[in-house]
Amino acid sequence: MEIIIEDKIRECNKNITETSIKSYIANLKKLTELLKITDLNIFYKDYETIINFIKKEYASSDNSQRNKLTAANAMVKCLFTDNNKKEIEKVIDIYKNELSILKIKIDERLATHKKSKHEEETWIDKKDEKLIKNLLLEKVPDEINTYIDLSKLRDYVLFIFYQNLSTRTELADSKIFYDDEVDIDNLIKDNNLNYIILKKKEKKVVYILNNYKTIKKYGHVILDVKGNMYSLLARYKDNLDKLHDDNYFILGNSGKKVSRTSLSLIYTNLGHVIGRRLSIRTARHIKVTNNVNIKKVNDLATEMRHDPTTALSIYAKHR
């Protein structure tokens, strides 16, 4: 079924990004597994079942509902024939309406600046961060001889990396090199992979983003990875090279490159050392929350009789 889904999605979505295509495929695969779907036509013939299932199964996450509904709608567009044109158009409008309602709900929730249920469950403070960091480090063996050994170091590296650079799951599509192994000018022209570069002389790390969610808006970028991570990443790369030769940054326990979905799950499980779940998306919210006093912004915006967005995007200036 996964192959059929991928063929359908790729065939009728030639102008969207690879990231979106992979997201559609992953979400559709999940829905077909949970609903035991054997005929993709159910996405339009029995759309009520699909929509109601998504609302119930992902009731705690508006974003998950949105991702599943968007994928379902994308599949319906791929099932178009001359004979079902009117029916397909009707169902597409229904999915769009559900997405519009959901968007209003999400926007209203975001405007309150209150944590969602998912964020409450995956939110950690500075004390939690320190404890997780120390417990993950304790699990790292002195010598790395197997992929299981490497996974212990990988987990620690992942946690520290996301504390210092709040990227998304595109990290799964990244390779790692020393700067004397590659031509950075060529790497930044790549449209498929991202790159972590260890600069030997400066003892610093940069992250080249070529394939990520907002690439169309911001283009190819090079970011400095903060937190003095050079020594840790150099150790990780040297051990990675002993076991594997394709330079992918994140490998699974069997030595294979991980998908974005698998990376998300790996990161979620890092919190198990303190009996919690983590979230890459929540980590991004935590980073902003720790650096922006939203109450002060809201209070000031109320005083000046404009909205917080205006306060931040127009009135606030660099010091």
Protein backbone atom coordinates (compact mmCIF):
# COMPACT_ATOMS: atom_id res chain seq x y z
CA MET A 1 0.00 0.00 0.00
CA GLU A 2 2.86 2.39 0.82
CA ILE A 3 4.25 2.04 -2.71
CA ILE A 4 0.82 2.73 -4.23
CA ILE A 5 0.41 5.81 -2.01
CA GLU A 6 3.81 7.14 -2.97
CA ASP A 7 3.21 6.57 -6.69
CA LYS A 8 -0.15 8.34 -6.53
CA ILE A 9 1.12 11.32 -4.54
CA ARG A 10 4.21 11.81 -6.68
CA GLU A 11 2.26 11.48 -9.90
CA CYS A 12 -0.22 14.27 -9.18
CA ASN A 13 1.89 16.60 -7.02
CA LYS A 14 4.82 17.42 -9.28
CA ASN A 15 5.10 21.06 -8.21
CA ILE A 16 5.37 20.68 -4.45
CA THR A 17 8.50 20.20 -2.36
CA GLU A 18 9.98 16.81 -1.54
CA THR A 19 9.39 17.60 2.13
CA SER A 20 5.65 18.01 1.53
CA ILE A 21 5.49 14.83 -0.54
CA LYS A 22 7.20 12.83 2.21
CA SER A 23 4.86 14.35 4.80
CA TYR A 24 1.79 13.37 2.75
CA ILE A 25 3.09 9.83 2.30
CA ALA A 26 3.92 9.38 5.99
CA ASN A 27 0.53 10.69 7.14
CA LEU A 28 -1.39 8.63 4.58
CA LYS A 29 0.56 5.53 5.50
CA LYS A 30 -0.36 6.04 9.14
CA LEU A 31 -4.06 6.49 8.32
CA THR A 32 -4.18 3.42 6.09
CA GLU A 33 -2.52 1.34 8.81
CA LEU A 34 -4.81 2.53 11.59
CA LEU A 35 -7.98 2.21 9.52
CA LYS A 36 -6.78 -0.95 7.72
CA ILE A 37 -7.52 0.69 4.37
CA THR A 38 -7.06 -1.47 1.27
CA ASP A 39 -8.82 0.81 -1.23
CA LEU A 40 -7.64 4.43 -1.44
CA ASN A 41 -11.00 5.51 -2.86
CA ILE A 42 -12.31 5.47 0.70
CA PHE A 43 -10.72 8.91 1.13
CA TYR A 44 -13.51 10.38 -0.97
CA LYS A 45 -16.19 7.67 -0.97
CA ASP A 46 -16.31 7.51 2.82
CA TYR A 47 -14.78 10.86 3.72
CA GLU A 48 -16.96 11.18 6.84
CA THR A 49 -15.31 8.12 8.36
CA ILE A 50 -11.86 9.53 7.55
CA ILE A 51 -12.61 12.98 9.00
CA ASN A 52 -14.32 11.66 12.13
CA PHE A 53 -11.49 9.20 12.78
CA ILE A 54 -8.86 11.95 12.47
CA LYS A 55 -10.78 14.20 14.86
CA LYS A 56 -11.11 11.40 17.44
CA GLU A 57 -7.68 9.77 17.10
CA TYR A 58 -5.79 13.08 17.16
CA ALA A 59 -8.11 15.03 19.44
CA SER A 60 -5.20 16.18 21.61
CA SER A 61 -3.25 17.73 18.73
CA ASP A 62 -4.72 20.27 16.31
CA ASN A 63 -1.50 20.17 14.29
CA SER A 64 -1.70 16.39 13.85
CA GLN A 65 -5.31 16.75 12.72
CA ARG A 66 -4.27 19.40 10.21
CA ASN A 67 -1.44 17.24 8.84
CA LYS A 68 -3.70 14.21 8.43
CA LEU A 69 -6.55 16.19 6.83
CA THR A 70 -4.14 17.91 4.44
CA ALA A 71 -2.69 14.55 3.39
CA ALA A 72 -6.16 13.04 2.94
CA ASN A 73 -7.17 15.99 0.78
CA ALA A 74 -4.00 15.59 -1.28
CA MET A 75 -4.86 11.94 -1.90
CA VAL A 76 -8.43 12.78 -2.97
CA LYS A 77 -7.03 15.13 -5.62
CA CYS A 78 -5.06 12.18 -6.98
CA LEU A 79 -8.18 10.03 -7.39
CA PHE A 80 -9.81 12.31 -9.97
CA THR A 81 -11.36 10.73 -13.09
CA ASP A 82 -13.82 11.98 -15.66
CA ASN A 83 -16.53 9.89 -14.02
CA ASN A 84 -16.11 11.14 -10.45
CA LYS A 85 -15.23 14.79 -11.12
CA LYS A 86 -18.24 16.34 -9.36
CA GLU A 87 -17.99 13.99 -6.39
CA ILE A 88 -14.26 14.67 -5.99
CA GLU A 89 -14.76 18.44 -6.17
CA LYS A 90 -17.46 18.22 -3.50
CA VAL A 91 -15.26 16.18 -1.17
CA ILE A 92 -12.26 18.47 -1.71
CA ASP A 93 -14.44 21.40 -0.63
CA ILE A 94 -15.47 19.47 2.49
CA TYR A 95 -11.85 18.74 3.43
CA LYS A 96 -10.95 22.40 2.78
CA ASN A 97 -13.80 23.51 5.01
CA GLU A 98 -12.60 21.23 7.82
CA LEU A 99 -9.09 22.65 7.42
CA SER A 100 -10.43 26.22 7.51
CA ILE A 101 -12.34 25.51 10.73
CA LEU A 102 -9.23 23.93 12.20
CA LYS A 103 -7.08 26.90 11.19
CA ILE A 104 -9.41 29.29 12.99
CA LYS A 105 -9.23 27.08 16.07
CA ILE A 106 -5.42 26.92 15.94
CA ASP A 107 -5.10 30.67 15.37
CA GLU A 108 -7.41 31.42 18.29
CA ARG A 109 -5.44 29.10 20.55
CA LEU A 110 -2.10 30.54 19.49
CA ALA A 111 -3.38 34.06 20.16
CA THR A 112 -3.85 33.13 23.83
CA HIS A 113 -0.16 32.14 24.11
CA LYS A 114 -1.25 29.23 26.30
CA LYS A 115 0.35 25.83 25.94
CA SER A 116 -1.59 23.12 24.14
CA LYS A 117 -2.13 19.77 25.84
CA HIS A 118 0.71 18.30 23.78
CA GLU A 119 3.01 21.17 24.75
CA GLU A 120 2.13 20.78 28.43
CA GLU A 121 3.05 17.11 28.22
CA THR A 122 6.35 17.69 26.41
CA TRP A 123 7.48 20.97 28.01
CA ILE A 124 10.71 20.89 30.03
CA ASP A 125 12.43 23.54 32.13
CA LYS A 126 16.11 24.24 32.77
CA LYS A 127 16.21 21.72 35.62
CA ASP A 128 14.75 19.01 33.36
CA GLU A 129 17.21 19.88 30.61
CA LYS A 130 20.18 19.49 32.93
CA LEU A 131 18.91 16.19 34.33
CA ILE A 132 18.22 14.72 30.88
CA LYS A 133 21.62 15.87 29.65
CA ASN A 134 23.43 14.22 32.58
CA LEU A 135 21.45 10.98 32.42
CA LEU A 136 21.99 10.61 28.66
CA LEU A 137 25.71 11.27 29.09
CA GLU A 138 25.93 8.54 31.74
CA LYS A 139 24.64 6.04 29.17
CA VAL A 140 27.44 6.78 26.67
CA PRO A 141 30.07 3.99 26.75
CA ASP A 142 33.77 4.85 26.86
CA GLU A 143 34.35 2.93 23.63
CA ILE A 144 32.04 2.87 20.61
CA ASN A 145 32.23 -0.49 18.83
CA THR A 146 28.67 -1.19 17.67
CA TYR A 147 25.67 0.72 16.35
CA ILE A 148 24.00 0.23 19.73
CA ASP A 149 27.00 1.89 21.38
CA LEU A 150 26.84 4.66 18.81
CA SER A 151 23.11 5.18 19.45
CA LYS A 152 23.90 6.12 23.07
CA LEU A 153 26.28 8.82 21.90
CA ARG A 154 23.83 9.81 19.15
CA ASP A 155 21.07 10.37 21.69
CA TYR A 156 23.27 12.65 23.78
CA VAL A 157 24.44 14.53 20.68
CA LEU A 158 20.86 14.99 19.46
CA PHE A 159 19.67 16.41 22.75
CA ILE A 160 22.57 18.86 22.99
CA PHE A 161 22.28 19.82 19.31
CA TYR A 162 18.59 20.71 19.61
CA GLN A 163 19.31 22.73 22.76
CA ASN A 164 21.75 24.86 20.78
CA LEU A 165 20.04 25.03 17.40
CA SER A 166 16.27 24.64 17.27
CA THR A 167 15.98 23.20 13.79
CA ARG A 168 13.18 20.88 12.67
CA THR A 169 13.27 17.22 11.61
CA GLU A 170 15.20 18.12 8.44
CA LEU A 171 18.20 17.21 10.58
CA ALA A 172 17.45 13.62 9.49
CA ASP A 173 18.46 14.61 5.94
CA SER A 174 21.86 15.89 7.00
CA LYS A 175 25.43 14.72 6.50
CA ILE A 176 28.45 15.63 8.61
CA PHE A 177 31.94 16.49 7.34
CA TYR A 178 35.15 18.18 8.38
CA ASP A 179 35.69 21.32 6.31
CA ASP A 180 38.81 19.86 4.62
CA GLU A 181 36.72 16.97 3.23
CA VAL A 182 34.32 19.06 1.15
CA ASP A 183 33.81 22.20 -0.91
CA ILE A 184 31.30 24.30 1.02
CA ASP A 185 30.48 26.39 -2.06
CA ASN A 186 29.25 23.23 -3.79
CA LEU A 187 27.34 21.97 -0.77
CA ILE A 188 25.23 25.10 -0.50
CA LYS A 189 23.94 24.47 -4.03
CA ASP A 190 22.50 21.08 -3.02
CA ASN A 191 18.69 21.01 -2.94
CA ASN A 192 18.29 17.65 -1.24
CA LEU A 193 20.60 17.44 1.76
CA ASN A 194 21.68 19.60 4.67
CA TYR A 195 25.23 19.61 6.02
CA ILE A 196 26.95 19.93 9.37
CA ILE A 197 30.48 21.19 8.84
CA LEU A 198 33.20 20.97 11.48
CA LYS A 199 35.75 23.76 10.94
CA LYS A 200 39.06 22.41 12.22
CA LYS A 201 41.06 25.64 12.54
CA GLU A 202 38.31 27.71 14.17
CA LYS A 203 36.99 24.77 16.22
CA LYS A 204 33.48 25.79 15.31
CA VAL A 205 30.43 24.19 13.70
CA VAL A 206 28.15 25.48 10.94
CA TYR A 207 24.91 24.04 9.64
CA ILE A 208 24.07 24.40 5.94
CA LEU A 209 20.32 24.31 5.38
CA ASN A 210 19.31 23.41 1.83
CA ASN A 211 16.18 21.33 2.35
CA TYR A 212 13.79 22.57 5.01
CA LYS A 213 10.20 23.72 5.52
CA THR A 214 10.61 27.42 4.71
CA ILE A 215 13.29 27.14 2.00
CA LYS A 216 11.15 29.03 -0.51
CA LYS A 217 11.01 32.06 1.77
CA TYR A 218 14.52 32.11 3.24
CA GLY A 219 16.59 30.19 0.67
CA HIS A 220 19.83 28.36 1.36
CA VAL A 221 21.37 29.48 4.65
CA ILE A 222 24.46 28.81 6.77
CA LEU A 223 23.92 28.94 10.53
CA ASP A 224 26.48 28.93 13.33
CA VAL A 225 25.84 26.12 15.80
CA LYS A 226 26.28 27.63 19.24
CA GLY A 227 27.24 25.97 22.50
CA ASN A 228 30.88 25.03 21.79
CA MET A 229 29.82 21.77 20.16
CA TYR A 230 32.94 21.18 18.08
CA SER A 231 34.65 18.67 20.40
CA LEU A 232 31.47 16.66 20.97
CA LEU A 233 30.57 16.53 17.26
CA ALA A 234 34.17 15.69 16.31
CA ARG A 235 34.09 12.75 18.72
CA TYR A 236 30.73 11.69 17.32
CA LYS A 237 31.88 11.95 13.69
CA ASP A 238 35.09 10.00 14.34
CA ASN A 239 33.10 7.15 15.90
CA LEU A 240 30.48 7.39 13.16
CA ASP A 241 33.21 7.00 10.53
CA LYS A 242 34.48 3.82 12.20
CA LEU A 243 31.14 2.10 11.61
CA HIS A 244 29.74 3.79 8.50
CA ASP A 245 31.07 5.54 5.43
CA ASP A 246 28.19 7.55 3.94
CA ASN A 247 28.47 10.48 6.40
CA TYR A 248 24.79 10.65 7.36
CA PHE A 249 24.50 12.49 10.66
CA ILE A 250 21.78 10.38 12.29
CA LEU A 251 21.68 6.60 12.03
CA GLY A 252 19.21 4.17 13.54
CA ASN A 253 20.23 1.34 15.85
CA SER A 254 20.78 -0.91 12.82
CA GLY A 255 23.09 1.56 11.09
CA LYS A 256 20.64 2.88 8.51
CA LYS A 257 19.82 6.53 7.85
CA VAL A 258 16.71 7.57 9.75
CA SER A 259 13.63 9.22 8.25
CA ARG A 260 12.26 12.49 9.60
CA THR A 261 9.48 10.58 11.31
CA SER A 262 11.98 8.23 12.96
CA LEU A 263 14.09 11.17 14.11
CA SER A 264 11.02 12.71 15.73
CA LEU A 265 10.36 9.45 17.58
CA ILE A 266 13.99 9.13 18.70
CA TYR A 267 13.88 12.66 20.11
CA THR A 268 10.53 12.00 21.81
CA ASN A 269 12.04 9.01 23.60
CA LEU A 270 15.04 10.94 24.92
CA GLY A 271 12.82 12.20 27.73
CA HIS A 272 12.16 8.67 28.96
CA VAL A 273 15.22 8.96 31.23
CA ILE A 274 13.07 11.22 33.44
CA GLY A 275 9.75 9.55 32.62
CA ARG A 276 8.68 12.21 30.11
CA ARG A 277 8.10 12.60 26.39
CA LEU A 278 9.88 15.29 24.40
CA SER A 279 8.95 17.05 21.17
CA ILE A 280 11.09 18.77 18.55
CA ARG A 281 8.27 21.22 17.85
CA THR A 282 7.82 21.96 21.55
CA ALA A 283 11.58 22.48 21.88
CA ARG A 284 11.28 25.31 19.34
CA HIS A 285 8.48 26.87 21.40
CA ILE A 286 10.57 26.55 24.56
CA LYS A 287 13.49 28.33 22.89
CA VAL A 288 11.36 31.33 21.92
CA THR A 289 9.51 31.39 25.27
CA ASN A 290 12.82 31.50 27.16
CA ASN A 291 13.89 34.52 25.12
CA VAL A 292 10.64 36.50 24.83
CA ASN A 293 8.64 37.79 27.79
CA ILE A 294 5.22 37.55 26.18
CA LYS A 295 3.44 39.12 29.18
CA LYS A 296 5.53 42.27 28.89
CA VAL A 297 4.92 42.41 25.14
CA ASN A 298 1.17 41.98 25.60
CA ASP A 299 0.99 44.54 28.40
CA LEU A 300 2.97 47.07 26.38
CA ALA A 301 0.85 46.45 23.26
CA THR A 302 -2.34 47.01 25.30
CA GLU A 303 -0.92 50.24 26.69
CA MET A 304 -0.02 51.48 23.20
CA ARG A 305 -3.33 50.32 21.69
CA HIS A 306 -1.98 47.98 19.05
CA ASP A 307 -1.48 44.23 18.79
CA PRO A 308 1.66 42.32 19.98
CA THR A 309 2.68 41.53 16.39
CA THR A 310 2.86 45.24 15.61
CA ALA A 311 4.90 45.81 18.76
CA LEU A 312 7.48 43.20 17.78
CA SER A 313 7.62 43.62 14.00
CA ILE A 314 7.37 47.42 13.71
CA TYR A 315 8.02 49.23 16.98
CA ALA A 316 10.79 47.11 18.54
CA LYS A 317 14.32 47.97 17.33
CA HIS A 318 17.80 46.53 17.70
CA ARG A 319 19.66 48.01 20.65
